[in-house]
Amino acid sequence: DKMWNLNLFPNNVISKEINYYLTKQNPYG
């Protein structure tokens, strides 16, 4: 969606997910 600018998801979905994932990381990923 991001690469091809399809805009299938609202603009804030990716940033919301990325920020959340950063809180879920373990030492090896």
mmCIF file of all heavy atoms, coordinates in Angstrom:
data_MODEL
# 
_entry.id   MODEL 
# 
loop_
_atom_site.group_PDB 
_atom_site.id 
_atom_site.type_symbol 
_atom_site.label_atom_id 
_atom_site.label_alt_id 
_atom_site.label_comp_id 
_atom_site.label_asym_id 
_atom_site.label_entity_id 
_atom_site.label_seq_id 
_atom_site.pdbx_PDB_ins_code 
_atom_site.Cartn_x 
_atom_site.Cartn_y 
_atom_site.Cartn_z 
_atom_site.occupancy 
_atom_site.B_iso_or_equiv 
_atom_site.pdbx_formal_charge 
_atom_site.auth_seq_id 
_atom_site.auth_comp_id 
_atom_site.auth_asym_id 
_atom_site.auth_atom_id 
_atom_site.pdbx_PDB_model_num 
ATOM 1   N N   . ASP A 1 1  ? 0.842  -1.199  0.000  1.00 0.00 ? 1  ASP A N   1 
ATOM 2   C CA  . ASP A 1 1  ? 0.000  0.000   0.000  1.00 0.00 ? 1  ASP A CA  1 
ATOM 3   C C   . ASP A 1 1  ? 0.878  1.250   0.000  1.00 0.00 ? 1  ASP A C   1 
ATOM 4   O O   . ASP A 1 1  ? 0.636  2.196   -0.749 1.00 0.00 ? 1  ASP A O   1 
ATOM 5   C CB  . ASP A 1 1  ? -0.930 -0.015  1.217  1.00 0.00 ? 1  ASP A CB  1 
ATOM 6   C CG  . ASP A 1 1  ? -1.977 1.084   1.160  1.00 0.00 ? 1  ASP A CG  1 
ATOM 7   O OD1 . ASP A 1 1  ? -2.642 1.235   0.118  1.00 0.00 ? 1  ASP A OD1 1 
ATOM 8   O OD2 . ASP A 1 1  ? -2.126 1.796   2.170  1.00 0.00 ? 1  ASP A OD2 1 
ATOM 9   N N   . LYS A 1 2  ? 1.907  1.229   0.827  1.00 0.00 ? 2  LYS A N   1 
ATOM 10  C CA  . LYS A 1 2  ? 2.805  2.377   0.905  1.00 0.00 ? 2  LYS A CA  1 
ATOM 11  C C   . LYS A 1 2  ? 3.647  2.507   -0.370 1.00 0.00 ? 2  LYS A C   1 
ATOM 12  O O   . LYS A 1 2  ? 3.780  3.594   -0.917 1.00 0.00 ? 2  LYS A O   1 
ATOM 13  C CB  . LYS A 1 2  ? 3.715  2.251   2.132  1.00 0.00 ? 2  LYS A CB  1 
ATOM 14  C CG  . LYS A 1 2  ? 4.631  3.439   2.297  1.00 0.00 ? 2  LYS A CG  1 
ATOM 15  C CD  . LYS A 1 2  ? 5.398  3.394   3.597  1.00 0.00 ? 2  LYS A CD  1 
ATOM 16  C CE  . LYS A 1 2  ? 6.276  4.638   3.722  1.00 0.00 ? 2  LYS A CE  1 
ATOM 17  N NZ  . LYS A 1 2  ? 6.930  4.724   5.015  1.00 0.00 ? 2  LYS A NZ  1 
ATOM 18  N N   . MET A 1 3  ? 4.202  1.401   -0.836 1.00 0.00 ? 3  MET A N   1 
ATOM 19  C CA  . MET A 1 3  ? 5.087  1.458   -1.997 1.00 0.00 ? 3  MET A CA  1 
ATOM 20  C C   . MET A 1 3  ? 4.387  1.978   -3.244 1.00 0.00 ? 3  MET A C   1 
ATOM 21  O O   . MET A 1 3  ? 4.923  2.773   -3.997 1.00 0.00 ? 3  MET A O   1 
ATOM 22  C CB  . MET A 1 3  ? 5.684  0.080   -2.279 1.00 0.00 ? 3  MET A CB  1 
ATOM 23  C CG  . MET A 1 3  ? 6.670  0.113   -3.439 1.00 0.00 ? 3  MET A CG  1 
ATOM 24  S SD  . MET A 1 3  ? 7.405  -1.476  -3.815 1.00 0.00 ? 3  MET A SD  1 
ATOM 25  C CE  . MET A 1 3  ? 8.210  -1.847  -2.287 1.00 0.00 ? 3  MET A CE  1 
ATOM 26  N N   . TRP A 1 4  ? 3.187  1.505   -3.459 1.00 0.00 ? 4  TRP A N   1 
ATOM 27  C CA  . TRP A 1 4  ? 2.478  1.862   -4.685 1.00 0.00 ? 4  TRP A CA  1 
ATOM 28  C C   . TRP A 1 4  ? 1.455  2.981   -4.488 1.00 0.00 ? 4  TRP A C   1 
ATOM 29  O O   . TRP A 1 4  ? 0.656  3.247   -5.380 1.00 0.00 ? 4  TRP A O   1 
ATOM 30  C CB  . TRP A 1 4  ? 1.806  0.628   -5.265 1.00 0.00 ? 4  TRP A CB  1 
ATOM 31  C CG  . TRP A 1 4  ? 2.813  -0.389  -5.749 1.00 0.00 ? 4  TRP A CG  1 
ATOM 32  C CD1 . TRP A 1 4  ? 4.045  -0.141  -6.282 1.00 0.00 ? 4  TRP A CD1 1 
ATOM 33  C CD2 . TRP A 1 4  ? 2.665  -1.798  -5.740 1.00 0.00 ? 4  TRP A CD2 1 
ATOM 34  N NE1 . TRP A 1 4  ? 4.668  -1.325  -6.597 1.00 0.00 ? 4  TRP A NE1 1 
ATOM 35  C CE2 . TRP A 1 4  ? 3.845  -2.355  -6.283 1.00 0.00 ? 4  TRP A CE2 1 
ATOM 36  C CE3 . TRP A 1 4  ? 1.653  -2.658  -5.319 1.00 0.00 ? 4  TRP A CE3 1 
ATOM 37  C CZ2 . TRP A 1 4  ? 4.035  -3.724  -6.428 1.00 0.00 ? 4  TRP A CZ2 1 
ATOM 38  C CZ3 . TRP A 1 4  ? 1.848  -4.019  -5.475 1.00 0.00 ? 4  TRP A CZ3 1 
ATOM 39  C CH2 . TRP A 1 4  ? 3.023  -4.539  -6.016 1.00 0.00 ? 4  TRP A CH2 1 
ATOM 40  N N   . ASN A 1 5  ? 1.478  3.617   -3.313 1.00 0.00 ? 5  ASN A N   1 
ATOM 41  C CA  . ASN A 1 5  ? 0.562  4.728   -3.023 1.00 0.00 ? 5  ASN A CA  1 
ATOM 42  C C   . ASN A 1 5  ? -0.893 4.377   -3.351 1.00 0.00 ? 5  ASN A C   1 
ATOM 43  O O   . ASN A 1 5  ? -1.606 5.151   -3.966 1.00 0.00 ? 5  ASN A O   1 
ATOM 44  C CB  . ASN A 1 5  ? 0.983  5.990   -3.789 1.00 0.00 ? 5  ASN A CB  1 
ATOM 45  C CG  . ASN A 1 5  ? 2.320  6.497   -3.343 1.00 0.00 ? 5  ASN A CG  1 
ATOM 46  O OD1 . ASN A 1 5  ? 2.583  6.613   -2.147 1.00 0.00 ? 5  ASN A OD1 1 
ATOM 47  N ND2 . ASN A 1 5  ? 3.192  6.785   -4.298 1.00 0.00 ? 5  ASN A ND2 1 
ATOM 48  N N   . LEU A 1 6  ? -1.304 3.206   -2.924 1.00 0.00 ? 6  LEU A N   1 
ATOM 49  C CA  . LEU A 1 6  ? -2.663 2.757   -3.189 1.00 0.00 ? 6  LEU A CA  1 
ATOM 50  C C   . LEU A 1 6  ? -3.686 3.432   -2.286 1.00 0.00 ? 6  LEU A C   1 
ATOM 51  O O   . LEU A 1 6  ? -4.858 3.516   -2.629 1.00 0.00 ? 6  LEU A O   1 
ATOM 52  C CB  . LEU A 1 6  ? -2.749 1.234   -3.019 1.00 0.00 ? 6  LEU A CB  1 
ATOM 53  C CG  . LEU A 1 6  ? -1.893 0.417   -3.993 1.00 0.00 ? 6  LEU A CG  1 
ATOM 54  C CD1 . LEU A 1 6  ? -1.911 -1.051  -3.604 1.00 0.00 ? 6  LEU A CD1 1 
ATOM 55  C CD2 . LEU A 1 6  ? -2.356 0.626   -5.420 1.00 0.00 ? 6  LEU A CD2 1 
ATOM 56  N N   . ASN A 1 7  ? -3.251 3.847   -1.100 1.00 0.00 ? 7  ASN A N   1 
ATOM 57  C CA  . ASN A 1 7  ? -4.123 4.510   -0.123 1.00 0.00 ? 7  ASN A CA  1 
ATOM 58  C C   . ASN A 1 7  ? -5.334 3.667   0.250  1.00 0.00 ? 7  ASN A C   1 
ATOM 59  O O   . ASN A 1 7  ? -6.441 4.181   0.394  1.00 0.00 ? 7  ASN A O   1 
ATOM 60  C CB  . ASN A 1 7  ? -4.543 5.895   -0.641 1.00 0.00 ? 7  ASN A CB  1 
ATOM 61  C CG  . ASN A 1 7  ? -3.331 6.765   -0.884 1.00 0.00 ? 7  ASN A CG  1 
ATOM 62  O OD1 . ASN A 1 7  ? -2.444 6.869   -0.046 1.00 0.00 ? 7  ASN A OD1 1 
ATOM 63  N ND2 . ASN A 1 7  ? -3.273 7.361   -2.061 1.00 0.00 ? 7  ASN A ND2 1 
ATOM 64  N N   . LEU A 1 8  ? -5.103 2.369   0.410  1.00 0.00 ? 8  LEU A N   1 
ATOM 65  C CA  . LEU A 1 8  ? -6.174 1.473   0.846  1.00 0.00 ? 8  LEU A CA  1 
ATOM 66  C C   . LEU A 1 8  ? -6.468 1.640   2.331  1.00 0.00 ? 8  LEU A C   1 
ATOM 67  O O   . LEU A 1 8  ? -7.557 1.336   2.784  1.00 0.00 ? 8  LEU A O   1 
ATOM 68  C CB  . LEU A 1 8  ? -5.787 0.014   0.563  1.00 0.00 ? 8  LEU A CB  1 
ATOM 69  C CG  . LEU A 1 8  ? -5.560 -0.330  -0.911 1.00 0.00 ? 8  LEU A CG  1 
ATOM 70  C CD1 . LEU A 1 8  ? -5.008 -1.741  -1.039 1.00 0.00 ? 8  LEU A CD1 1 
ATOM 71  C CD2 . LEU A 1 8  ? -6.846 -0.173  -1.700 1.00 0.00 ? 8  LEU A CD2 1 
ATOM 72  N N   . PHE A 1 9  ? -5.471 2.105   3.086  1.00 0.00 ? 9  PHE A N   1 
ATOM 73  C CA  . PHE A 1 9  ? -5.609 2.308   4.521  1.00 0.00 ? 9  PHE A CA  1 
ATOM 74  C C   . PHE A 1 9  ? -5.493 3.795   4.827  1.00 0.00 ? 9  PHE A C   1 
ATOM 75  O O   . PHE A 1 9  ? -4.758 4.509   4.146  1.00 0.00 ? 9  PHE A O   1 
ATOM 76  C CB  . PHE A 1 9  ? -4.509 1.544   5.284  1.00 0.00 ? 9  PHE A CB  1 
ATOM 77  C CG  . PHE A 1 9  ? -4.572 0.068   5.078  1.00 0.00 ? 9  PHE A CG  1 
ATOM 78  C CD1 . PHE A 1 9  ? -3.826 -0.544  4.071  1.00 0.00 ? 9  PHE A CD1 1 
ATOM 79  C CD2 . PHE A 1 9  ? -5.384 -0.727  5.875  1.00 0.00 ? 9  PHE A CD2 1 
ATOM 80  C CE1 . PHE A 1 9  ? -3.881 -1.912  3.869  1.00 0.00 ? 9  PHE A CE1 1 
ATOM 81  C CE2 . PHE A 1 9  ? -5.446 -2.100  5.679  1.00 0.00 ? 9  PHE A CE2 1 
ATOM 82  C CZ  . PHE A 1 9  ? -4.699 -2.688  4.671  1.00 0.00 ? 9  PHE A CZ  1 
ATOM 83  N N   . PRO A 1 10 ? -6.191 4.264   5.853  1.00 0.00 ? 10 PRO A N   1 
ATOM 84  C CA  . PRO A 1 10 ? -6.038 5.673   6.248  1.00 0.00 ? 10 PRO A CA  1 
ATOM 85  C C   . PRO A 1 10 ? -4.568 5.979   6.563  1.00 0.00 ? 10 PRO A C   1 
ATOM 86  O O   . PRO A 1 10 ? -3.804 5.096   6.974  1.00 0.00 ? 10 PRO A O   1 
ATOM 87  C CB  . PRO A 1 10 ? -6.894 5.784   7.516  1.00 0.00 ? 10 PRO A CB  1 
ATOM 88  C CG  . PRO A 1 10 ? -7.866 4.656   7.418  1.00 0.00 ? 10 PRO A CG  1 
ATOM 89  C CD  . PRO A 1 10 ? -7.149 3.554   6.678  1.00 0.00 ? 10 PRO A CD  1 
ATOM 90  N N   . ASN A 1 11 ? -4.176 7.221   6.369  1.00 0.00 ? 11 ASN A N   1 
ATOM 91  C CA  . ASN A 1 11 ? -2.777 7.638   6.520  1.00 0.00 ? 11 ASN A CA  1 
ATOM 92  C C   . ASN A 1 11 ? -2.158 7.279   7.863  1.00 0.00 ? 11 ASN A C   1 
ATOM 93  O O   . ASN A 1 11 ? -0.967 7.030   7.935  1.00 0.00 ? 11 ASN A O   1 
ATOM 94  C CB  . ASN A 1 11 ? -2.644 9.143   6.294  1.00 0.00 ? 11 ASN A CB  1 
ATOM 95  C CG  . ASN A 1 11 ? -2.901 9.515   4.851  1.00 0.00 ? 11 ASN A CG  1 
ATOM 96  O OD1 . ASN A 1 11 ? -2.782 8.686   3.955  1.00 0.00 ? 11 ASN A OD1 1 
ATOM 97  N ND2 . ASN A 1 11 ? -3.254 10.761  4.618  1.00 0.00 ? 11 ASN A ND2 1 
ATOM 98  N N   . ASN A 1 12 ? -2.923 7.264   8.931  1.00 0.00 ? 12 ASN A N   1 
ATOM 99  C CA  . ASN A 1 12 ? -2.336 7.043   10.254 1.00 0.00 ? 12 ASN A CA  1 
ATOM 100 C C   . ASN A 1 12 ? -2.192 5.572   10.638 1.00 0.00 ? 12 ASN A C   1 
ATOM 101 O O   . ASN A 1 12 ? -1.614 5.274   11.680 1.00 0.00 ? 12 ASN A O   1 
ATOM 102 C CB  . ASN A 1 12 ? -3.153 7.776   11.307 1.00 0.00 ? 12 ASN A CB  1 
ATOM 103 C CG  . ASN A 1 12 ? -4.535 7.175   11.493 1.00 0.00 ? 12 ASN A CG  1 
ATOM 104 O OD1 . ASN A 1 12 ? -5.062 6.482   10.627 1.00 0.00 ? 12 ASN A OD1 1 
ATOM 105 N ND2 . ASN A 1 12 ? -5.134 7.452   12.634 1.00 0.00 ? 12 ASN A ND2 1 
ATOM 106 N N   . VAL A 1 13 ? -2.687 4.657   9.860  1.00 0.00 ? 13 VAL A N   1 
ATOM 107 C CA  . VAL A 1 13 ? -2.639 3.241   10.225 1.00 0.00 ? 13 VAL A CA  1 
ATOM 108 C C   . VAL A 1 13 ? -1.198 2.747   10.311 1.00 0.00 ? 13 VAL A C   1 
ATOM 109 O O   . VAL A 1 13 ? -0.809 2.116   11.299 1.00 0.00 ? 13 VAL A O   1 
ATOM 110 C CB  . VAL A 1 13 ? -3.466 2.364   9.251  1.00 0.00 ? 13 VAL A CB  1 
ATOM 111 C CG1 . VAL A 1 13 ? -3.238 0.887   9.514  1.00 0.00 ? 13 VAL A CG1 1 
ATOM 112 C CG2 . VAL A 1 13 ? -4.940 2.699   9.368  1.00 0.00 ? 13 VAL A CG2 1 
ATOM 113 N N   . ILE A 1 14 ? -0.400 3.028   9.313  1.00 0.00 ? 14 ILE A N   1 
ATOM 114 C CA  . ILE A 1 14 ? 0.980  2.548   9.317  1.00 0.00 ? 14 ILE A CA  1 
ATOM 115 C C   . ILE A 1 14 ? 1.749  3.151   10.481 1.00 0.00 ? 14 ILE A C   1 
ATOM 116 O O   . ILE A 1 14 ? 2.433  2.433   11.217 1.00 0.00 ? 14 ILE A O   1 
ATOM 117 C CB  . ILE A 1 14 ? 1.681  2.826   7.973  1.00 0.00 ? 14 ILE A CB  1 
ATOM 118 C CG1 . ILE A 1 14 ? 1.084  1.927   6.891  1.00 0.00 ? 14 ILE A CG1 1 
ATOM 119 C CG2 . ILE A 1 14 ? 3.192  2.616   8.082  1.00 0.00 ? 14 ILE A CG2 1 
ATOM 120 C CD1 . ILE A 1 14 ? 1.617  2.175   5.487  1.00 0.00 ? 14 ILE A CD1 1 
ATOM 121 N N   . SER A 1 15 ? 1.642  4.443   10.700 1.00 0.00 ? 15 SER A N   1 
ATOM 122 C CA  . SER A 1 15 ? 2.387  5.067   11.804 1.00 0.00 ? 15 SER A CA  1 
ATOM 123 C C   . SER A 1 15 ? 1.919  4.534   13.155 1.00 0.00 ? 15 SER A C   1 
ATOM 124 O O   . SER A 1 15 ? 2.743  4.312   14.054 1.00 0.00 ? 15 SER A O   1 
ATOM 125 C CB  . SER A 1 15 ? 2.280  6.586   11.748 1.00 0.00 ? 15 SER A CB  1 
ATOM 126 O OG  . SER A 1 15 ? 0.952  7.015   11.866 1.00 0.00 ? 15 SER A OG  1 
ATOM 127 N N   . LYS A 1 16 ? 0.640  4.304   13.301 1.00 0.00 ? 16 LYS A N   1 
ATOM 128 C CA  . LYS A 1 16 ? 0.111  3.738   14.547 1.00 0.00 ? 16 LYS A CA  1 
ATOM 129 C C   . LYS A 1 16 ? 0.700  2.354   14.801 1.00 0.00 ? 16 LYS A C   1 
ATOM 130 O O   . LYS A 1 16 ? 1.125  2.040   15.915 1.00 0.00 ? 16 LYS A O   1 
ATOM 131 C CB  . LYS A 1 16 ? -1.418 3.665   14.481 1.00 0.00 ? 16 LYS A CB  1 
ATOM 132 C CG  . LYS A 1 16 ? -2.067 3.177   15.760 1.00 0.00 ? 16 LYS A CG  1 
ATOM 133 C CD  . LYS A 1 16 ? -3.581 3.032   15.613 1.00 0.00 ? 16 LYS A CD  1 
ATOM 134 C CE  . LYS A 1 16 ? -4.231 4.387   15.552 1.00 0.00 ? 16 LYS A CE  1 
ATOM 135 N NZ  . LYS A 1 16 ? -5.703 4.320   15.682 1.00 0.00 ? 16 LYS A NZ  1 
ATOM 136 N N   . GLU A 1 17 ? 0.736  1.529   13.767 1.00 0.00 ? 17 GLU A N   1 
ATOM 137 C CA  . GLU A 1 17 ? 1.284  0.176   13.905 1.00 0.00 ? 17 GLU A CA  1 
ATOM 138 C C   . GLU A 1 17 ? 2.787  0.202   14.188 1.00 0.00 ? 17 GLU A C   1 
ATOM 139 O O   . GLU A 1 17 ? 3.255  -0.488  15.090 1.00 0.00 ? 17 GLU A O   1 
ATOM 140 C CB  . GLU A 1 17 ? 0.991  -0.656  12.650 1.00 0.00 ? 17 GLU A CB  1 
ATOM 141 C CG  . GLU A 1 17 ? -0.466 -1.038  12.496 1.00 0.00 ? 17 GLU A CG  1 
ATOM 142 C CD  . GLU A 1 17 ? -0.948 -1.979  13.585 1.00 0.00 ? 17 GLU A CD  1 
ATOM 143 O OE1 . GLU A 1 17 ? -0.470 -3.119  13.661 1.00 0.00 ? 17 GLU A OE1 1 
ATOM 144 O OE2 . GLU A 1 17 ? -1.813 -1.569  14.371 1.00 0.00 ? 17 GLU A OE2 1 
ATOM 145 N N   . ILE A 1 18 ? 3.529  0.988   13.441 1.00 0.00 ? 18 ILE A N   1 
ATOM 146 C CA  . ILE A 1 18 ? 4.979  1.071   13.633 1.00 0.00 ? 18 ILE A CA  1 
ATOM 147 C C   . ILE A 1 18 ? 5.304  1.483   15.065 1.00 0.00 ? 18 ILE A C   1 
ATOM 148 O O   . ILE A 1 18 ? 6.154  0.880   15.728 1.00 0.00 ? 18 ILE A O   1 
ATOM 149 C CB  . ILE A 1 18 ? 5.624  2.041   12.617 1.00 0.00 ? 18 ILE A CB  1 
ATOM 150 C CG1 . ILE A 1 18 ? 5.528  1.483   11.196 1.00 0.00 ? 18 ILE A CG1 1 
ATOM 151 C CG2 . ILE A 1 18 ? 7.067  2.377   12.995 1.00 0.00 ? 18 ILE A CG2 1 
ATOM 152 C CD1 . ILE A 1 18 ? 6.321  0.217   10.952 1.00 0.00 ? 18 ILE A CD1 1 
ATOM 153 N N   . ASN A 1 19 ? 4.641  2.501   15.562 1.00 0.00 ? 19 ASN A N   1 
ATOM 154 C CA  . ASN A 1 19 ? 4.882  2.958   16.935 1.00 0.00 ? 19 ASN A CA  1 
ATOM 155 C C   . ASN A 1 19 ? 4.563  1.871   17.955 1.00 0.00 ? 19 ASN A C   1 
ATOM 156 O O   . ASN A 1 19 ? 5.278  1.708   18.944 1.00 0.00 ? 19 ASN A O   1 
ATOM 157 C CB  . ASN A 1 19 ? 4.081  4.220   17.232 1.00 0.00 ? 19 ASN A CB  1 
ATOM 158 C CG  . ASN A 1 19 ? 4.616  5.420   16.484 1.00 0.00 ? 19 ASN A CG  1 
ATOM 159 O OD1 . ASN A 1 19 ? 5.788  5.486   16.139 1.00 0.00 ? 19 ASN A OD1 1 
ATOM 160 N ND2 . ASN A 1 19 ? 3.748  6.379   16.220 1.00 0.00 ? 19 ASN A ND2 1 
ATOM 161 N N   . TYR A 1 20 ? 3.509  1.117   17.726 1.00 0.00 ? 20 TYR A N   1 
ATOM 162 C CA  . TYR A 1 20 ? 3.148  0.034   18.633 1.00 0.00 ? 20 TYR A CA  1 
ATOM 163 C C   . TYR A 1 20 ? 4.182  -1.092  18.584 1.00 0.00 ? 20 TYR A C   1 
ATOM 164 O O   . TYR A 1 20 ? 4.601  -1.609  19.620 1.00 0.00 ? 20 TYR A O   1 
ATOM 165 C CB  . TYR A 1 20 ? 1.753  -0.501  18.305 1.00 0.00 ? 20 TYR A CB  1 
ATOM 166 C CG  . TYR A 1 20 ? 1.286  -1.530  19.291 1.00 0.00 ? 20 TYR A CG  1 
ATOM 167 C CD1 . TYR A 1 20 ? 0.854  -1.155  20.561 1.00 0.00 ? 20 TYR A CD1 1 
ATOM 168 C CD2 . TYR A 1 20 ? 1.304  -2.882  18.976 1.00 0.00 ? 20 TYR A CD2 1 
ATOM 169 C CE1 . TYR A 1 20 ? 0.437  -2.103  21.490 1.00 0.00 ? 20 TYR A CE1 1 
ATOM 170 C CE2 . TYR A 1 20 ? 0.886  -3.833  19.893 1.00 0.00 ? 20 TYR A CE2 1 
ATOM 171 C CZ  . TYR A 1 20 ? 0.461  -3.439  21.142 1.00 0.00 ? 20 TYR A CZ  1 
ATOM 172 O OH  . TYR A 1 20 ? 0.060  -4.377  22.057 1.00 0.00 ? 20 TYR A OH  1 
ATOM 173 N N   . TYR A 1 21 ? 4.614  -1.457  17.384 1.00 0.00 ? 21 TYR A N   1 
ATOM 174 C CA  . TYR A 1 21 ? 5.598  -2.538  17.241 1.00 0.00 ? 21 TYR A CA  1 
ATOM 175 C C   . TYR A 1 21 ? 6.885  -2.237  18.002 1.00 0.00 ? 21 TYR A C   1 
ATOM 176 O O   . TYR A 1 21 ? 7.514  -3.151  18.544 1.00 0.00 ? 21 TYR A O   1 
ATOM 177 C CB  . TYR A 1 21 ? 5.953  -2.775  15.775 1.00 0.00 ? 21 TYR A CB  1 
ATOM 178 C CG  . TYR A 1 21 ? 4.816  -3.158  14.873 1.00 0.00 ? 21 TYR A CG  1 
ATOM 179 C CD1 . TYR A 1 21 ? 4.893  -2.905  13.511 1.00 0.00 ? 21 TYR A CD1 1 
ATOM 180 C CD2 . TYR A 1 21 ? 3.663  -3.771  15.349 1.00 0.00 ? 21 TYR A CD2 1 
ATOM 181 C CE1 . TYR A 1 21 ? 3.867  -3.250  12.650 1.00 0.00 ? 21 TYR A CE1 1 
ATOM 182 C CE2 . TYR A 1 21 ? 2.630  -4.118  14.495 1.00 0.00 ? 21 TYR A CE2 1 
ATOM 183 C CZ  . TYR A 1 21 ? 2.737  -3.848  13.147 1.00 0.00 ? 21 TYR A CZ  1 
ATOM 184 O OH  . TYR A 1 21 ? 1.712  -4.197  12.293 1.00 0.00 ? 21 TYR A OH  1 
ATOM 185 N N   . LEU A 1 22 ? 7.274  -0.990  18.033 1.00 0.00 ? 22 LEU A N   1 
ATOM 186 C CA  . LEU A 1 22 ? 8.505  -0.626  18.738 1.00 0.00 ? 22 LEU A CA  1 
ATOM 187 C C   . LEU A 1 22 ? 8.431  -0.968  20.222 1.00 0.00 ? 22 LEU A C   1 
ATOM 188 O O   . LEU A 1 22 ? 9.462  -1.177  20.857 1.00 0.00 ? 22 LEU A O   1 
ATOM 189 C CB  . LEU A 1 22 ? 8.821  0.853   18.534 1.00 0.00 ? 22 LEU A CB  1 
ATOM 190 C CG  . LEU A 1 22 ? 9.266  1.232   17.122 1.00 0.00 ? 22 LEU A CG  1 
ATOM 191 C CD1 . LEU A 1 22 ? 9.329  2.744   16.974 1.00 0.00 ? 22 LEU A CD1 1 
ATOM 192 C CD2 . LEU A 1 22 ? 10.593 0.572   16.771 1.00 0.00 ? 22 LEU A CD2 1 
ATOM 193 N N   . THR A 1 23 ? 7.224  -1.059  20.764 1.00 0.00 ? 23 THR A N   1 
ATOM 194 C CA  . THR A 1 23 ? 7.054  -1.426  22.176 1.00 0.00 ? 23 THR A CA  1 
ATOM 195 C C   . THR A 1 23 ? 7.045  -2.938  22.386 1.00 0.00 ? 23 THR A C   1 
ATOM 196 O O   . THR A 1 23 ? 7.030  -3.394  23.525 1.00 0.00 ? 23 THR A O   1 
ATOM 197 C CB  . THR A 1 23 ? 5.750  -0.843  22.762 1.00 0.00 ? 23 THR A CB  1 
ATOM 198 O OG1 . THR A 1 23 ? 4.624  -1.530  22.209 1.00 0.00 ? 23 THR A OG1 1 
ATOM 199 C CG2 . THR A 1 23 ? 5.633  0.654   22.505 1.00 0.00 ? 23 THR A CG2 1 
ATOM 200 N N   . LYS A 1 24 ? 7.018  -3.703  21.313 1.00 0.00 ? 24 LYS A N   1 
ATOM 201 C CA  . LYS A 1 24 ? 6.886  -5.163  21.394 1.00 0.00 ? 24 LYS A CA  1 
ATOM 202 C C   . LYS A 1 24 ? 8.154  -5.925  21.029 1.00 0.00 ? 24 LYS A C   1 
ATOM 203 O O   . LYS A 1 24 ? 8.164  -7.147  21.007 1.00 0.00 ? 24 LYS A O   1 
ATOM 204 C CB  . LYS A 1 24 ? 5.737  -5.638  20.482 1.00 0.00 ? 24 LYS A CB  1 
ATOM 205 C CG  . LYS A 1 24 ? 4.384  -5.130  20.926 1.00 0.00 ? 24 LYS A CG  1 
ATOM 206 C CD  . LYS A 1 24 ? 4.083  -5.632  22.304 1.00 0.00 ? 24 LYS A CD  1 
ATOM 207 C CE  . LYS A 1 24 ? 2.756  -5.183  22.848 1.00 0.00 ? 24 LYS A CE  1 
ATOM 208 N NZ  . LYS A 1 24 ? 2.570  -5.619  24.235 1.00 0.00 ? 24 LYS A NZ  1 
ATOM 209 N N   . GLN A 1 25 ? 9.217  -5.220  20.748 1.00 0.00 ? 25 GLN A N   1 
ATOM 210 C CA  . GLN A 1 25 ? 10.443 -5.882  20.315 1.00 0.00 ? 25 GLN A CA  1 
ATOM 211 C C   . GLN A 1 25 ? 11.131 -6.638  21.443 1.00 0.00 ? 25 GLN A C   1 
ATOM 212 O O   . GLN A 1 25 ? 11.075 -6.238  22.589 1.00 0.00 ? 25 GLN A O   1 
ATOM 213 C CB  . GLN A 1 25 ? 11.407 -4.858  19.725 1.00 0.00 ? 25 GLN A CB  1 
ATOM 214 C CG  . GLN A 1 25 ? 10.891 -4.259  18.442 1.00 0.00 ? 25 GLN A CG  1 
ATOM 215 C CD  . GLN A 1 25 ? 12.003 -3.909  17.517 1.00 0.00 ? 25 GLN A CD  1 
ATOM 216 O OE1 . GLN A 1 25 ? 12.353 -4.732  16.681 1.00 0.00 ? 25 GLN A OE1 1 
ATOM 217 N NE2 . GLN A 1 25 ? 12.554 -2.734  17.653 1.00 0.00 ? 25 GLN A NE2 1 
ATOM 218 N N   . ASN A 1 26 ? 11.787 -7.709  21.058 1.00 0.00 ? 26 ASN A N   1 
ATOM 219 C CA  . ASN A 1 26 ? 12.618 -8.505  21.947 1.00 0.00 ? 26 ASN A CA  1 
ATOM 220 C C   . ASN A 1 26 ? 14.080 -8.312  21.527 1.00 0.00 ? 26 ASN A C   1 
ATOM 221 O O   . ASN A 1 26 ? 14.347 -7.680  20.504 1.00 0.00 ? 26 ASN A O   1 
ATOM 222 C CB  . ASN A 1 26 ? 12.209 -9.980  21.862 1.00 0.00 ? 26 ASN A CB  1 
ATOM 223 C CG  . ASN A 1 26 ? 10.904 -10.246 22.573 1.00 0.00 ? 26 ASN A CG  1 
ATOM 224 O OD1 . ASN A 1 26 ? 10.587 -9.607  23.566 1.00 0.00 ? 26 ASN A OD1 1 
ATOM 225 N ND2 . ASN A 1 26 ? 10.136 -11.194 22.062 1.00 0.00 ? 26 ASN A ND2 1 
ATOM 226 N N   . PRO A 1 27 ? 15.021 -8.862  22.269 1.00 0.00 ? 27 PRO A N   1 
ATOM 227 C CA  . PRO A 1 27 ? 16.440 -8.654  21.927 1.00 0.00 ? 27 PRO A CA  1 
ATOM 228 C C   . PRO A 1 27 ? 16.813 -9.042  20.494 1.00 0.00 ? 27 PRO A C   1 
ATOM 229 O O   . PRO A 1 27 ? 17.692 -8.428  19.900 1.00 0.00 ? 27 PRO A O   1 
ATOM 230 C CB  . PRO A 1 27 ? 17.182 -9.536  22.930 1.00 0.00 ? 27 PRO A CB  1 
ATOM 231 C CG  . PRO A 1 27 ? 16.264 -9.629  24.095 1.00 0.00 ? 27 PRO A CG  1 
ATOM 232 C CD  . PRO A 1 27 ? 14.871 -9.622  23.504 1.00 0.00 ? 27 PRO A CD  1 
ATOM 233 N N   . TYR A 1 28 ? 16.121 -10.054 19.929 1.00 0.00 ? 28 TYR A N   1 
ATOM 234 C CA  . TYR A 1 28 ? 16.481 -10.533 18.600 1.00 0.00 ? 28 TYR A CA  1 
ATOM 235 C C   . TYR A 1 28 ? 15.384 -10.266 17.565 1.00 0.00 ? 28 TYR A C   1 
ATOM 236 O O   . TYR A 1 28 ? 15.283 -10.974 16.575 1.00 0.00 ? 28 TYR A O   1 
ATOM 237 C CB  . TYR A 1 28 ? 16.848 -12.011 18.659 1.00 0.00 ? 28 TYR A CB  1 
ATOM 238 C CG  . TYR A 1 28 ? 18.052 -12.258 19.522 1.00 0.00 ? 28 TYR A CG  1 
ATOM 239 C CD1 . TYR A 1 28 ? 17.914 -12.783 20.806 1.00 0.00 ? 28 TYR A CD1 1 
ATOM 240 C CD2 . TYR A 1 28 ? 19.330 -11.931 19.083 1.00 0.00 ? 28 TYR A CD2 1 
ATOM 241 C CE1 . TYR A 1 28 ? 19.026 -12.987 21.613 1.00 0.00 ? 28 TYR A CE1 1 
ATOM 242 C CE2 . TYR A 1 28 ? 20.448 -12.128 19.884 1.00 0.00 ? 28 TYR A CE2 1 
ATOM 243 C CZ  . TYR A 1 28 ? 20.290 -12.655 21.147 1.00 0.00 ? 28 TYR A CZ  1 
ATOM 244 O OH  . TYR A 1 28 ? 21.385 -12.851 21.947 1.00 0.00 ? 28 TYR A OH  1 
ATOM 245 N N   . GLY A 1 29 ? 14.583 -9.254  17.798 1.00 0.00 ? 29 GLY A N   1 
ATOM 246 C CA  . GLY A 1 29 ? 13.627 -8.844  16.787 1.00 0.00 ? 29 GLY A CA  1 
ATOM 247 C C   . GLY A 1 29 ? 12.196 -8.732  17.267 1.00 0.00 ? 29 GLY A C   1 
ATOM 248 O O   . GLY A 1 29 ? 11.863 -8.988  18.416 1.00 0.00 ? 29 GLY A O   1 
# 
